[in-house]
């Protein structure tokens, strides 16, 4: 590996001819660090779709948060404060998606 993922992503955004959609399915550590290190690429992010957070869920989980948010709350705050348009797909939504055995094949 010759460079950090944050720098790789920033270079890809800079090289894009138009703003692109970024999808994150885990904690926002790299996205948050990229925002701090490469603010010039923010206009190249059309929208961030993030699988994270929770809006309403009854469960046995002690913490009131969701794993991807809980792992790096500082990065989450950086991203939310960045001005990048964000579509959050919360745990509530992902828990309602059913995949049956034949779909795994």
Protein backbone atom coordinates (compact mmCIF):
# COMPACT_ATOMS: atom_id res chain seq x y z
CA UNK A 1 0.00 0.00 0.00
CA UNK A 2 1.58 3.25 -1.08
CA UNK A 3 -0.88 5.72 0.46
CA UNK A 4 -3.67 6.11 2.96
CA UNK A 5 -7.27 5.38 1.93
CA UNK A 6 -8.17 8.99 2.77
CA UNK A 7 -5.71 10.33 0.19
CA UNK A 8 -6.83 7.74 -2.37
CA UNK A 9 -10.47 8.77 -1.98
CA UNK A 10 -9.61 12.48 -2.17
CA UNK A 11 -7.62 11.89 -5.38
CA UNK A 12 -10.54 9.98 -6.92
CA UNK A 13 -12.94 12.79 -6.03
CA UNK A 14 -10.61 15.43 -7.50
CA UNK A 15 -10.27 13.44 -10.72
CA UNK A 16 -14.03 13.00 -11.16
CA UNK A 17 -15.44 15.20 -13.95
CA UNK A 18 -18.53 15.95 -11.85
CA UNK A 19 -19.65 15.46 -8.23
CA UNK A 20 -20.15 11.83 -7.28
CA UNK A 21 -22.24 9.84 -4.85
CA UNK A 22 -20.26 8.36 -1.95
CA UNK A 23 -21.61 5.31 -0.10
CA UNK A 24 -20.34 4.40 3.37
CA UNK A 25 -21.47 1.19 5.08
CA UNK A 26 -19.43 1.45 8.26
CA UNK A 27 -18.00 3.96 10.72
CA UNK A 28 -17.17 7.33 9.14
CA UNK A 29 -13.53 7.48 10.27
CA UNK A 30 -11.99 7.76 6.80
CA UNK A 31 -14.65 10.16 5.50
CA UNK A 32 -14.23 12.39 8.55
CA UNK A 33 -10.45 12.40 8.23
CA UNK A 34 -10.72 13.16 4.52
CA UNK A 35 -12.92 16.16 5.30
CA UNK A 36 -10.34 17.49 7.77
CA UNK A 37 -7.36 16.82 5.52
CA UNK A 38 -8.81 17.60 2.06
CA UNK A 39 -11.59 20.19 2.43
CA UNK A 40 -11.15 21.13 -1.22
CA UNK A 41 -12.93 17.92 -2.30
CA UNK A 42 -16.21 18.66 -0.50
CA UNK A 43 -17.84 20.20 -3.61
CA UNK A 44 -17.04 16.95 -5.45
CA UNK A 45 -19.30 14.94 -3.12
CA UNK A 46 -22.79 15.02 -4.62
CA UNK A 47 -24.23 13.16 -1.65
CA UNK A 48 -23.11 10.76 1.06
CA UNK A 49 -25.33 7.76 1.64
CA UNK A 50 -24.45 6.30 5.02
CA UNK A 51 -25.66 3.06 6.57
CA UNK A 52 -25.63 4.19 10.16
CA UNK A 53 -27.48 5.66 13.05
CA UNK A 54 -30.78 4.59 14.51
CA UNK A 55 -34.01 6.54 14.74
CA UNK A 56 -36.29 4.26 16.73
CA UNK A 57 -35.68 0.74 17.86
CA UNK A 58 -36.76 -1.29 20.86
CA UNK A 59 -34.06 -3.77 21.67
CA UNK A 60 -31.90 -5.36 24.29
CA UNK A 61 -29.00 -3.13 23.26
CA UNK A 62 -27.86 -1.11 26.27
CA UNK A 63 -26.36 1.78 24.32
CA UNK A 64 -28.85 4.15 22.67
CA UNK A 65 -26.71 4.37 19.56
CA UNK A 66 -25.86 2.15 16.62
CA UNK A 67 -22.48 0.47 15.97
CA UNK A 68 -21.32 2.61 13.03
CA UNK A 69 -22.10 5.80 14.95
CA UNK A 70 -20.77 4.46 18.25
CA UNK A 71 -17.37 3.45 16.82
CA UNK A 72 -16.34 7.00 15.88
CA UNK A 73 -18.70 9.71 17.12
CA UNK A 74 -16.08 12.40 16.45
CA UNK A 75 -15.92 11.46 12.75
CA UNK A 76 -19.72 11.39 12.62
CA UNK A 77 -19.86 14.95 14.00
CA UNK A 78 -17.24 16.13 11.48
CA UNK A 79 -19.25 14.64 8.61
CA UNK A 80 -22.60 15.98 9.85
CA UNK A 81 -21.11 19.46 10.31
CA UNK A 82 -19.38 19.45 6.89
CA UNK A 83 -22.34 20.61 4.82
CA UNK A 84 -22.20 17.52 2.59
CA UNK A 85 -25.74 16.32 1.74
CA UNK A 86 -26.30 13.10 3.71
CA UNK A 87 -28.88 10.36 3.39
CA UNK A 88 -28.79 8.23 6.53
CA UNK A 89 -30.08 4.69 6.23
CA UNK A 90 -30.55 3.78 9.86
CA UNK A 91 -30.51 0.46 11.63
CA UNK A 92 -34.30 0.65 11.79
CA UNK A 93 -34.47 0.36 8.00
CA UNK A 94 -31.82 -2.31 7.58
CA UNK A 95 -33.44 -4.53 10.23
CA UNK A 96 -36.62 -4.64 8.14
CA UNK A 97 -34.93 -5.91 4.99
CA UNK A 98 -35.48 -9.63 4.72
CA UNK A 99 -33.26 -11.88 2.64
CA UNK A 100 -34.34 -15.46 2.16
CA UNK A 101 -31.98 -18.41 1.64
CA UNK A 102 -32.30 -18.57 -2.20
CA UNK A 103 -31.20 -14.93 -2.42
CA UNK A 104 -27.86 -15.78 -0.78
CA UNK A 105 -26.88 -18.06 -3.67
